[in-house]
Amino acid sequence: MANECPDLDAMPPTTTAVEIFGAVYHVRGSDDTGYFQSLADLVDRKMREVAAHANTSDTSRIAILAALNMADELFRIQKQQEGERVEIREKVAELAEELNRALGG
């Protein structure tokens, strides 16, 4: 997991215990336990949301459904950000053209 946090790559790997959906997992990575705890809290929260609406108590199924929900959120955010990047590029081109005209080009 340390490779996912470029700012933390220089720190030596350590093991951090986190609790997700009632189970303790030992995660190896940077010694930034707060980061791993935040990730674990997010996963735990998503699993509990799914469990509250699911017709199953199978932890594996709940984990897969939570992962699908998080993947959906990620894809939606990525799509939104790409749209925003396109808008920014268009606006920069428009402003550059306007600036060029104003400078007599």
PDB file of N, CA and C in Angstrom:
ATOM      1  N   MET A   1       0.806  -1.193   0.000  1.00  0.00           N
ATOM      2  CA  MET A   1       0.000   0.000   0.000  1.00  0.00           C
ATOM      3  C   MET A   1       0.851   1.259   0.000  1.00  0.00           C
ATOM      4  N   ALA A   2       2.073   1.176   0.411  1.00  0.00           N
ATOM      5  CA  ALA A   2       2.922   2.361   0.486  1.00  0.00           C
ATOM      6  C   ALA A   2       3.090   3.000  -0.875  1.00  0.00           C
ATOM      7  N   ASN A   3       3.073   2.225  -1.954  1.00  0.00           N
ATOM      8  CA  ASN A   3       3.239   2.777  -3.287  1.00  0.00           C
ATOM      9  C   ASN A   3       2.069   3.664  -3.685  1.00  0.00           C
ATOM     10  N   GLU A   4       0.927   3.526  -3.030  1.00  0.00           N
ATOM     11  CA  GLU A   4      -0.225   4.340  -3.343  1.00  0.00           C
ATOM     12  C   GLU A   4      -0.117   5.718  -2.720  1.00  0.00           C
ATOM     13  N   CYS A   5       0.844   5.956  -1.833  1.00  0.00           N
ATOM     14  CA  CYS A   5       1.034   7.231  -1.162  1.00  0.00           C
ATOM     15  C   CYS A   5       2.425   7.734  -1.474  1.00  0.00           C
ATOM     16  N   PRO A   6       2.598   8.434  -2.599  1.00  0.00           N
ATOM     17  CA  PRO A   6       3.941   8.826  -3.004  1.00  0.00           C
ATOM     18  C   PRO A   6       4.672   9.655  -1.959  1.00  0.00           C
ATOM     19  N   ASP A   7       3.980  10.458  -1.179  1.00  0.00           N
ATOM     20  CA  ASP A   7       4.631  11.291  -0.177  1.00  0.00           C
ATOM     21  C   ASP A   7       5.186  10.460   0.982  1.00  0.00           C
ATOM     22  N   LEU A   8       4.685   9.256   1.128  1.00  0.00           N
ATOM     23  CA  LEU A   8       5.050   8.443   2.271  1.00  0.00           C
ATOM     24  C   LEU A   8       6.041   7.340   1.919  1.00  0.00           C
ATOM     25  N   ASP A   9       6.453   7.248   0.644  1.00  0.00           N
ATOM     26  CA  ASP A   9       7.333   6.174   0.201  1.00  0.00           C
ATOM     27  C   ASP A   9       8.674   6.158   0.924  1.00  0.00           C
ATOM     28  N   ALA A  10       9.165   7.289   1.362  1.00  0.00           N
ATOM     29  CA  ALA A  10      10.487   7.365   1.982  1.00  0.00           C
ATOM     30  C   ALA A  10      10.492   6.782   3.391  1.00  0.00           C
ATOM     31  N   MET A  11       9.328   6.642   4.008  1.00  0.00           N
ATOM     32  CA  MET A  11       9.252   6.131   5.375  1.00  0.00           C
ATOM     33  C   MET A  11       9.388   4.606   5.375  1.00  0.00           C
ATOM     34  N   PRO A  12      10.014   4.050   6.395  1.00  0.00           N
ATOM     35  CA  PRO A  12      10.142   2.588   6.451  1.00  0.00           C
ATOM     36  C   PRO A  12       8.780   1.933   6.680  1.00  0.00           C
ATOM     37  N   PRO A  13       8.560   0.768   6.073  1.00  0.00           N
ATOM     38  CA  PRO A  13       7.276   0.103   6.243  1.00  0.00           C
ATOM     39  C   PRO A  13       7.078  -0.391   7.673  1.00  0.00           C
ATOM     40  N   THR A  14       5.862  -0.267   8.144  1.00  0.00           N
ATOM     41  CA  THR A  14       5.485  -0.778   9.451  1.00  0.00           C
ATOM     42  C   THR A  14       4.148  -1.494   9.302  1.00  0.00           C
ATOM     43  N   THR A  15       3.725  -2.160  10.345  1.00  0.00           N
ATOM     44  CA  THR A  15       2.437  -2.841  10.334  1.00  0.00           C
ATOM     45  C   THR A  15       1.485  -2.096  11.254  1.00  0.00           C
ATOM     46  N   THR A  16       0.299  -1.825  10.733  1.00  0.00           N
ATOM     47  CA  THR A  16      -0.724  -1.108  11.479  1.00  0.00           C
ATOM     48  C   THR A  16      -1.953  -1.990  11.594  1.00  0.00           C
ATOM     49  N   ALA A  17      -2.523  -2.086  12.768  1.00  0.00           N
ATOM     50  CA  ALA A  17      -3.750  -2.852  12.969  1.00  0.00           C
ATOM     51  C   ALA A  17      -4.942  -1.933  12.760  1.00  0.00           C
ATOM     52  N   VAL A  18      -5.868  -2.352  11.894  1.00  0.00           N
ATOM     53  CA  VAL A  18      -7.102  -1.609  11.665  1.00  0.00           C
ATOM     54  C   VAL A  18      -8.275  -2.564  11.800  1.00  0.00           C
ATOM     55  N   GLU A  19      -9.416  -2.028  12.173  1.00  0.00           N
ATOM     56  CA  GLU A  19     -10.609  -2.860  12.307  1.00  0.00           C
ATOM     57  C   GLU A  19     -11.606  -2.475  11.232  1.00  0.00           C
ATOM     58  N   ILE A  20     -12.076  -3.495  10.520  1.00  0.00           N
ATOM     59  CA  ILE A  20     -13.072  -3.304   9.469  1.00  0.00           C
ATOM     60  C   ILE A  20     -14.176  -4.332   9.664  1.00  0.00           C
ATOM     61  N   PHE A  21     -15.366  -3.856   9.864  1.00  0.00           N
ATOM     62  CA  PHE A  21     -16.551  -4.704   9.976  1.00  0.00           C
ATOM     63  C   PHE A  21     -16.377  -5.793  11.033  1.00  0.00           C
ATOM     64  N   GLY A  22     -15.752  -5.400  12.154  1.00  0.00           N
ATOM     65  CA  GLY A  22     -15.591  -6.304  13.280  1.00  0.00           C
ATOM     66  C   GLY A  22     -14.380  -7.207  13.233  1.00  0.00           C
ATOM     67  N   ALA A  23     -13.586  -7.129  12.174  1.00  0.00           N
ATOM     68  CA  ALA A  23     -12.388  -7.957  12.063  1.00  0.00           C
ATOM     69  C   ALA A  23     -11.154  -7.061  12.065  1.00  0.00           C
ATOM     70  N   VAL A  24     -10.090  -7.551  12.675  1.00  0.00           N
ATOM     71  CA  VAL A  24      -8.843  -6.790  12.725  1.00  0.00           C
ATOM     72  C   VAL A  24      -7.933  -7.273  11.601  1.00  0.00           C
ATOM     73  N   TYR A  25      -7.373  -6.303  10.872  1.00  0.00           N
ATOM     74  CA  TYR A  25      -6.448  -6.588   9.785  1.00  0.00           C
ATOM     75  C   TYR A  25      -5.142  -5.854  10.070  1.00  0.00           C
ATOM     76  N   HIS A  26      -4.050  -6.490   9.740  1.00  0.00           N
ATOM     77  CA  HIS A  26      -2.737  -5.881   9.911  1.00  0.00           C
ATOM     78  C   HIS A  26      -2.265  -5.445   8.530  1.00  0.00           C
ATOM     79  N   VAL A  27      -2.132  -4.128   8.362  1.00  0.00           N
ATOM     80  CA  VAL A  27      -1.794  -3.536   7.077  1.00  0.00           C
ATOM     81  C   VAL A  27      -0.353  -3.064   7.134  1.00  0.00           C
ATOM     82  N   ARG A  28       0.411  -3.475   6.150  1.00  0.00           N
ATOM     83  CA  ARG A  28       1.812  -3.078   6.103  1.00  0.00           C
ATOM     84  C   ARG A  28       1.974  -1.908   5.145  1.00  0.00           C
ATOM     85  N   GLY A  29       2.679  -0.893   5.605  1.00  0.00           N
ATOM     86  CA  GLY A  29       2.912   0.286   4.779  1.00  0.00           C
ATOM     87  C   GLY A  29       3.699   1.312   5.570  1.00  0.00           C
ATOM     88  N   SER A  30       3.488   2.574   5.232  1.00  0.00           N
ATOM     89  CA  SER A  30       4.195   3.643   5.940  1.00  0.00           C
ATOM     90  C   SER A  30       3.745   3.673   7.395  1.00  0.00           C
ATOM     91  N   ASP A  31       4.471   4.430   8.206  1.00  0.00           N
ATOM     92  CA  ASP A  31       4.088   4.474   9.618  1.00  0.00           C
ATOM     93  C   ASP A  31       3.033   5.548   9.874  1.00  0.00           C
ATOM     94  N   ASP A  32       2.342   5.986   8.829  1.00  0.00           N
ATOM     95  CA  ASP A  32       1.254   6.942   8.980  1.00  0.00           C
ATOM     96  C   ASP A  32      -0.028   6.167   9.306  1.00  0.00           C
ATOM     97  N   THR A  33      -0.186   5.796  10.553  1.00  0.00           N
ATOM     98  CA  THR A  33      -1.338   4.989  10.957  1.00  0.00           C
ATOM     99  C   THR A  33      -2.652   5.729  10.746  1.00  0.00           C
ATOM    100  N   GLY A  34      -2.626   7.045  10.827  1.00  0.00           N
ATOM    101  CA  GLY A  34      -3.845   7.820  10.612  1.00  0.00           C
ATOM    102  C   GLY A  34      -4.400   7.624   9.215  1.00  0.00           C
ATOM    103  N   TYR A  35      -3.517   7.531   8.229  1.00  0.00           N
ATOM    104  CA  TYR A  35      -3.947   7.324   6.844  1.00  0.00           C
ATOM    105  C   TYR A  35      -4.631   5.961   6.704  1.00  0.00           C
ATOM    106  N   PHE A  36      -3.999   4.923   7.217  1.00  0.00           N
ATOM    107  CA  PHE A  36      -4.583   3.586   7.119  1.00  0.00           C
ATOM    108  C   PHE A  36      -5.878   3.488   7.908  1.00  0.00           C
ATOM    109  N   GLN A  37      -5.930   4.159   9.048  1.00  0.00           N
ATOM    110  CA  GLN A  37      -7.154   4.135   9.835  1.00  0.00           C
ATOM    111  C   GLN A  37      -8.280   4.834   9.075  1.00  0.00           C
ATOM    112  N   SER A  38      -7.963   5.924   8.365  1.00  0.00           N
ATOM    113  CA  SER A  38      -8.971   6.618   7.559  1.00  0.00           C
ATOM    114  C   SER A  38      -9.500   5.720   6.447  1.00  0.00           C
ATOM    115  N   LEU A  39      -8.589   5.000   5.788  1.00  0.00           N
ATOM    116  CA  LEU A  39      -9.012   4.056   4.751  1.00  0.00           C
ATOM    117  C   LEU A  39      -9.899   2.968   5.343  1.00  0.00           C
ATOM    118  N   ALA A  40      -9.468   2.426   6.472  1.00  0.00           N
ATOM    119  CA  ALA A  40     -10.240   1.362   7.130  1.00  0.00           C
ATOM    120  C   ALA A  40     -11.609   1.882   7.554  1.00  0.00           C
ATOM    121  N   ASP A  41     -11.667   3.108   8.046  1.00  0.00           N
ATOM    122  CA  ASP A  41     -12.949   3.691   8.456  1.00  0.00           C
ATOM    123  C   ASP A  41     -13.896   3.828   7.270  1.00  0.00           C
ATOM    124  N   LEU A  42     -13.347   4.227   6.123  1.00  0.00           N
ATOM    125  CA  LEU A  42     -14.166   4.347   4.923  1.00  0.00           C
ATOM    126  C   LEU A  42     -14.724   2.986   4.507  1.00  0.00           C
ATOM    127  N   VAL A  43     -13.864   1.984   4.462  1.00  0.00           N
ATOM    128  CA  VAL A  43     -14.305   0.639   4.073  1.00  0.00           C
ATOM    129  C   VAL A  43     -15.333   0.114   5.071  1.00  0.00           C
ATOM    130  N   ASP A  44     -15.076   0.308   6.349  1.00  0.00           N
ATOM    131  CA  ASP A  44     -16.007  -0.133   7.385  1.00  0.00           C
ATOM    132  C   ASP A  44     -17.369   0.539   7.213  1.00  0.00           C
ATOM    133  N   ARG A  45     -17.350   1.846   6.983  1.00  0.00           N
ATOM    134  CA  ARG A  45     -18.594   2.599   6.812  1.00  0.00           C
ATOM    135  C   ARG A  45     -19.372   2.086   5.602  1.00  0.00           C
ATOM    136  N   LYS A  46     -18.666   1.866   4.488  1.00  0.00           N
ATOM    137  CA  LYS A  46     -19.339   1.373   3.280  1.00  0.00           C
ATOM    138  C   LYS A  46     -19.926  -0.016   3.504  1.00  0.00           C
ATOM    139  N   MET A  47     -19.167  -0.871   4.186  1.00  0.00           N
ATOM    140  CA  MET A  47     -19.677  -2.221   4.448  1.00  0.00           C
ATOM    141  C   MET A  47     -20.905  -2.169   5.346  1.00  0.00           C
ATOM    142  N   ARG A  48     -20.908  -1.296   6.325  1.00  0.00           N
ATOM    143  CA  ARG A  48     -22.067  -1.180   7.218  1.00  0.00           C
ATOM    144  C   ARG A  48     -23.281  -0.623   6.478  1.00  0.00           C
ATOM    145  N   GLU A  49     -23.058   0.320   5.549  1.00  0.00           N
ATOM    146  CA  GLU A  49     -24.163   0.840   4.733  1.00  0.00           C
ATOM    147  C   GLU A  49     -24.761  -0.277   3.885  1.00  0.00           C
ATOM    148  N   VAL A  50     -23.898  -1.066   3.250  1.00  0.00           N
ATOM    149  CA  VAL A  50     -24.372  -2.177   2.418  1.00  0.00           C
ATOM    150  C   VAL A  50     -25.108  -3.197   3.285  1.00  0.00           C
ATOM    151  N   ALA A  51     -24.530  -3.544   4.424  1.00  0.00           N
ATOM    152  CA  ALA A  51     -25.141  -4.552   5.310  1.00  0.00           C
ATOM    153  C   ALA A  51     -26.530  -4.117   5.769  1.00  0.00           C
ATOM    154  N   ALA A  52     -26.718  -2.825   5.969  1.00  0.00           N
ATOM    155  CA  ALA A  52     -28.015  -2.325   6.431  1.00  0.00           C
ATOM    156  C   ALA A  52     -29.096  -2.507   5.371  1.00  0.00           C
ATOM    157  N   HIS A  53     -28.701  -2.584   4.103  1.00  0.00           N
ATOM    158  CA  HIS A  53     -29.678  -2.706   3.019  1.00  0.00           C
ATOM    159  C   HIS A  53     -29.627  -4.049   2.305  1.00  0.00           C
ATOM    160  N   ALA A  54     -28.671  -4.893   2.643  1.00  0.00           N
ATOM    161  CA  ALA A  54     -28.492  -6.165   1.943  1.00  0.00           C
ATOM    162  C   ALA A  54     -29.369  -7.250   2.551  1.00  0.00           C
ATOM    163  N   ASN A  55     -29.673  -8.223   1.728  1.00  0.00           N
ATOM    164  CA  ASN A  55     -30.453  -9.374   2.188  1.00  0.00           C
ATOM    165  C   ASN A  55     -29.537 -10.536   2.530  1.00  0.00           C
ATOM    166  N   THR A  56     -28.344 -10.222   3.013  1.00  0.00           N
ATOM    167  CA  THR A  56     -27.374 -11.263   3.344  1.00  0.00           C
ATOM    168  C   THR A  56     -26.556 -10.828   4.545  1.00  0.00           C
ATOM    169  N   SER A  57     -26.046 -11.806   5.250  1.00  0.00           N
ATOM    170  CA  SER A  57     -25.110 -11.508   6.340  1.00  0.00           C
ATOM    171  C   SER A  57     -23.724 -12.058   5.988  1.00  0.00           C
ATOM    172  N   ASP A  58     -23.571 -12.524   4.757  1.00  0.00           N
ATOM    173  CA  ASP A  58     -22.301 -13.058   4.283  1.00  0.00           C
ATOM    174  C   ASP A  58     -21.308 -11.908   4.126  1.00  0.00           C
ATOM    175  N   THR A  59     -20.289 -11.916   4.970  1.00  0.00           N
ATOM    176  CA  THR A  59     -19.308 -10.831   4.986  1.00  0.00           C
ATOM    177  C   THR A  59     -18.613 -10.665   3.642  1.00  0.00           C
ATOM    178  N   SER A  60     -18.320 -11.758   2.965  1.00  0.00           N
ATOM    179  CA  SER A  60     -17.661 -11.672   1.656  1.00  0.00           C
ATOM    180  C   SER A  60     -18.541 -10.960   0.643  1.00  0.00           C
ATOM    181  N   ARG A  61     -19.808 -11.300   0.625  1.00  0.00           N
ATOM    182  CA  ARG A  61     -20.742 -10.638  -0.308  1.00  0.00           C
ATOM    183  C   ARG A  61     -20.875  -9.161   0.030  1.00  0.00           C
ATOM    184  N   ILE A  62     -20.953  -8.847   1.306  1.00  0.00           N
ATOM    185  CA  ILE A  62     -21.057  -7.452   1.744  1.00  0.00           C
ATOM    186  C   ILE A  62     -19.808  -6.686   1.321  1.00  0.00           C
ATOM    187  N   ALA A  63     -18.632  -7.309   1.479  1.00  0.00           N
ATOM    188  CA  ALA A  63     -17.376  -6.658   1.080  1.00  0.00           C
ATOM    189  C   ALA A  63     -17.344  -6.401  -0.425  1.00  0.00           C
ATOM    190  N   ILE A  64     -17.792  -7.372  -1.217  1.00  0.00           N
ATOM    191  CA  ILE A  64     -17.806  -7.210  -2.674  1.00  0.00           C
ATOM    192  C   ILE A  64     -18.783  -6.104  -3.069  1.00  0.00           C
ATOM    193  N   LEU A  65     -19.949  -6.083  -2.467  1.00  0.00           N
ATOM    194  CA  LEU A  65     -20.923  -5.033  -2.784  1.00  0.00           C
ATOM    195  C   LEU A  65     -20.406  -3.658  -2.368  1.00  0.00           C
ATOM    196  N   ALA A  66     -19.728  -3.584  -1.224  1.00  0.00           N
ATOM    197  CA  ALA A  66     -19.136  -2.313  -0.788  1.00  0.00           C
ATOM    198  C   ALA A  66     -18.051  -1.879  -1.769  1.00  0.00           C
ATOM    199  N   ALA A  67     -17.232  -2.830  -2.222  1.00  0.00           N
ATOM    200  CA  ALA A  67     -16.180  -2.519  -3.189  1.00  0.00           C
ATOM    201  C   ALA A  67     -16.789  -2.023  -4.500  1.00  0.00           C
ATOM    202  N   LEU A  68     -17.860  -2.631  -4.942  1.00  0.00           N
ATOM    203  CA  LEU A  68     -18.537  -2.174  -6.163  1.00  0.00           C
ATOM    204  C   LEU A  68     -19.081  -0.763  -5.989  1.00  0.00           C
ATOM    205  N   ASN A  69     -19.645  -0.481  -4.819  1.00  0.00           N
ATOM    206  CA  ASN A  69     -20.146   0.871  -4.548  1.00  0.00           C
ATOM    207  C   ASN A  69     -19.018   1.892  -4.578  1.00  0.00           C
ATOM    208  N   MET A  70     -17.880   1.554  -3.977  1.00  0.00           N
ATOM    209  CA  MET A  70     -16.736   2.471  -3.973  1.00  0.00           C
ATOM    210  C   MET A  70     -16.164   2.637  -5.377  1.00  0.00           C
ATOM    211  N   ALA A  71     -16.135   1.562  -6.152  1.00  0.00           N
ATOM    212  CA  ALA A  71     -15.651   1.645  -7.529  1.00  0.00           C
ATOM    213  C   ALA A  71     -16.579   2.540  -8.355  1.00  0.00           C
ATOM    214  N   ASP A  72     -17.875   2.417  -8.136  1.00  0.00           N
ATOM    215  CA  ASP A  72     -18.842   3.268  -8.828  1.00  0.00           C
ATOM    216  C   ASP A  72     -18.596   4.737  -8.484  1.00  0.00           C
ATOM    217  N   GLU A  73     -18.408   5.031  -7.211  1.00  0.00           N
ATOM    218  CA  GLU A  73     -18.122   6.408  -6.793  1.00  0.00           C
ATOM    219  C   GLU A  73     -16.839   6.915  -7.443  1.00  0.00           C
ATOM    220  N   LEU A  74     -15.806   6.089  -7.467  1.00  0.00           N
ATOM    221  CA  LEU A  74     -14.530   6.464  -8.075  1.00  0.00           C
ATOM    222  C   LEU A  74     -14.703   6.771  -9.553  1.00  0.00           C
ATOM    223  N   PHE A  75     -15.389   5.898 -10.297  1.00  0.00           N
ATOM    224  CA  PHE A  75     -15.587   6.111 -11.727  1.00  0.00           C
ATOM    225  C   PHE A  75     -16.386   7.375 -11.997  1.00  0.00           C
ATOM    226  N   ARG A  76     -17.416   7.628 -11.183  1.00  0.00           N
ATOM    227  CA  ARG A  76     -18.224   8.836 -11.365  1.00  0.00           C
ATOM    228  C   ARG A  76     -17.379  10.090 -11.135  1.00  0.00           C
ATOM    229  N   ILE A  77     -16.547  10.068 -10.108  1.00  0.00           N
ATOM    230  CA  ILE A  77     -15.673  11.212  -9.811  1.00  0.00           C
ATOM    231  C   ILE A  77     -14.661  11.406 -10.931  1.00  0.00           C
ATOM    232  N   GLN A  78     -14.077  10.302 -11.426  1.00  0.00           N
ATOM    233  CA  GLN A  78     -13.114  10.404 -12.523  1.00  0.00           C
ATOM    234  C   GLN A  78     -13.770  10.986 -13.769  1.00  0.00           C
ATOM    235  N   LYS A  79     -14.983  10.555 -14.063  1.00  0.00           N
ATOM    236  CA  LYS A  79     -15.705  11.065 -15.232  1.00  0.00           C
ATOM    237  C   LYS A  79     -16.000  12.557 -15.062  1.00  0.00           C
ATOM    238  N   GLN A  80     -16.411  12.947 -13.864  1.00  0.00           N
ATOM    239  CA  GLN A  80     -16.676  14.358 -13.583  1.00  0.00           C
ATOM    240  C   GLN A  80     -15.404  15.187 -13.728  1.00  0.00           C
ATOM    241  N   GLN A  81     -14.298  14.675 -13.192  1.00  0.00           N
ATOM    242  CA  GLN A  81     -13.030  15.406 -13.285  1.00  0.00           C
ATOM    243  C   GLN A  81     -12.571  15.536 -14.731  1.00  0.00           C
ATOM    244  N   GLU A  82     -12.756  14.511 -15.534  1.00  0.00           N
ATOM    245  CA  GLU A  82     -12.374  14.588 -16.947  1.00  0.00           C
ATOM    246  C   GLU A  82     -13.203  15.651 -17.650  1.00  0.00           C
ATOM    247  N   GLY A  83     -14.495  15.708 -17.355  1.00  0.00           N
ATOM    248  CA  GLY A  83     -15.347  16.742 -17.927  1.00  0.00           C
ATOM    249  C   GLY A  83     -14.882  18.125 -17.516  1.00  0.00           C
ATOM    250  N   GLU A  84     -14.485  18.263 -16.259  1.00  0.00           N
ATOM    251  CA  GLU A  84     -13.988  19.549 -15.774  1.00  0.00           C
ATOM    252  C   GLU A  84     -12.673  19.917 -16.455  1.00  0.00           C
ATOM    253  N   ARG A  85     -11.812  18.924 -16.690  1.00  0.00           N
ATOM    254  CA  ARG A  85     -10.542  19.185 -17.401  1.00  0.00           C
ATOM    255  C   ARG A  85     -10.800  19.681 -18.819  1.00  0.00           C
ATOM    256  N   VAL A  86     -11.767  19.076 -19.486  1.00  0.00           N
ATOM    257  CA  VAL A  86     -12.114  19.499 -20.844  1.00  0.00           C
ATOM    258  C   VAL A  86     -12.617  20.939 -20.811  1.00  0.00           C
ATOM    259  N   GLU A  87     -13.490  21.256 -19.864  1.00  0.00           N
ATOM    260  CA  GLU A  87     -14.006  22.622 -19.745  1.00  0.00           C
ATOM    261  C   GLU A  87     -12.870  23.612 -19.488  1.00  0.00           C
ATOM    262  N   ILE A  88     -11.939  23.250 -18.638  1.00  0.00           N
ATOM    263  CA  ILE A  88     -10.805  24.129 -18.326  1.00  0.00           C
ATOM    264  C   ILE A  88      -9.953  24.356 -19.568  1.00  0.00           C
ATOM    265  N   ARG A  89      -9.653  23.272 -20.309  1.00  0.00           N
ATOM    266  CA  ARG A  89      -8.859  23.419 -21.531  1.00  0.00           C
ATOM    267  C   ARG A  89      -9.551  24.344 -22.534  1.00  0.00           C
ATOM    268  N   GLU A  90     -10.866  24.160 -22.674  1.00  0.00           N
ATOM    269  CA  GLU A  90     -11.627  25.008 -23.595  1.00  0.00           C
ATOM    270  C   GLU A  90     -11.590  26.463 -23.147  1.00  0.00           C
ATOM    271  N   LYS A  91     -11.746  26.697 -21.856  1.00  0.00           N
ATOM    272  CA  LYS A  91     -11.737  28.064 -21.330  1.00  0.00           C
ATOM    273  C   LYS A  91     -10.358  28.695 -21.487  1.00  0.00           C
ATOM    274  N   VAL A  92      -9.294  27.930 -21.249  1.00  0.00           N
ATOM    275  CA  VAL A  92      -7.922  28.444 -21.426  1.00  0.00           C
ATOM    276  C   VAL A  92      -7.691  28.819 -22.881  1.00  0.00           C
ATOM    277  N   ALA A  93      -8.128  27.972 -23.796  1.00  0.00           N
ATOM    278  CA  ALA A  93      -7.959  28.271 -25.223  1.00  0.00           C
ATOM    279  C   ALA A  93      -8.736  29.527 -25.599  1.00  0.00           C
ATOM    280  N   GLU A  94      -9.934  29.656 -25.083  1.00  0.00           N
ATOM    281  CA  GLU A  94     -10.767  30.833 -25.355  1.00  0.00           C
ATOM    282  C   GLU A  94     -10.107  32.103 -24.812  1.00  0.00           C
ATOM    283  N   LEU A  95      -9.601  32.043 -23.582  1.00  0.00           N
ATOM    284  CA  LEU A  95      -8.943  33.202 -22.977  1.00  0.00           C
ATOM    285  C   LEU A  95      -7.636  33.545 -23.695  1.00  0.00           C
ATOM    286  N   ALA A  96      -6.901  32.519 -24.115  1.00  0.00           N
ATOM    287  CA  ALA A  96      -5.654  32.756 -24.845  1.00  0.00           C
ATOM    288  C   ALA A  96      -5.941  33.448 -26.172  1.00  0.00           C
ATOM    289  N   GLU A  97      -7.000  33.013 -26.837  1.00  0.00           N
ATOM    290  CA  GLU A  97      -7.378  33.634 -28.107  1.00  0.00           C
ATOM    291  C   GLU A  97      -7.818  35.075 -27.889  1.00  0.00           C
ATOM    292  N   GLU A  98      -8.592  35.311 -26.840  1.00  0.00           N
ATOM    293  CA  GLU A  98      -9.029  36.666 -26.506  1.00  0.00           C
ATOM    294  C   GLU A  98      -7.833  37.563 -26.166  1.00  0.00           C
ATOM    295  N   LEU A  99      -6.889  37.039 -25.417  1.00  0.00           N
ATOM    296  CA  LEU A  99      -5.678  37.784 -25.054  1.00  0.00           C
ATOM    297  C   LEU A  99      -4.849  38.106 -26.299  1.00  0.00           C
ATOM    298  N   ASN A 100      -4.747  37.136 -27.176  1.00  0.00           N
ATOM    299  CA  ASN A 100      -4.015  37.318 -28.418  1.00  0.00           C
ATOM    300  C   ASN A 100      -4.650  38.440 -29.265  1.00  0.00           C
ATOM    301  N   ARG A 101      -5.968  38.446 -29.353  1.00  0.00           N
ATOM    302  CA  ARG A 101      -6.676  39.503 -30.098  1.00  0.00           C
ATOM    303  C   ARG A 101      -6.464  40.856 -29.424  1.00  0.00           C
ATOM    304  N   ALA A 102      -6.512  40.891 -28.094  1.00  0.00           N
ATOM    305  CA  ALA A 102      -6.352  42.149 -27.356  1.00  0.00           C
ATOM    306  C   ALA A 102      -4.946  42.717 -27.524  1.00  0.00           C
ATOM    307  N   LEU A 103      -3.974  41.829 -27.696  1.00  0.00           N
ATOM    308  CA  LEU A 103      -2.591  42.286 -27.865  1.00  0.00           C
ATOM    309  C   LEU A 103      -2.266  42.586 -29.322  1.00  0.00           C
ATOM    310  N   GLY A 104      -3.274  42.449 -30.159  1.00  0.00           N
ATOM    311  CA  GLY A 104      -3.096  42.808 -31.572  1.00  0.00           C
ATOM    312  C   GLY A 104      -2.553  41.701 -32.431  1.00  0.00           C
ATOM    313  N   GLY A 105      -2.678  40.468 -31.962  1.00  0.00           N
ATOM    314  CA  GLY A 105      -2.104  39.348 -32.713  1.00  0.00           C
ATOM    315  C   GLY A 105      -3.054  38.805 -33.638  1.00  0.00           C
TER     316      GLY A 105
END
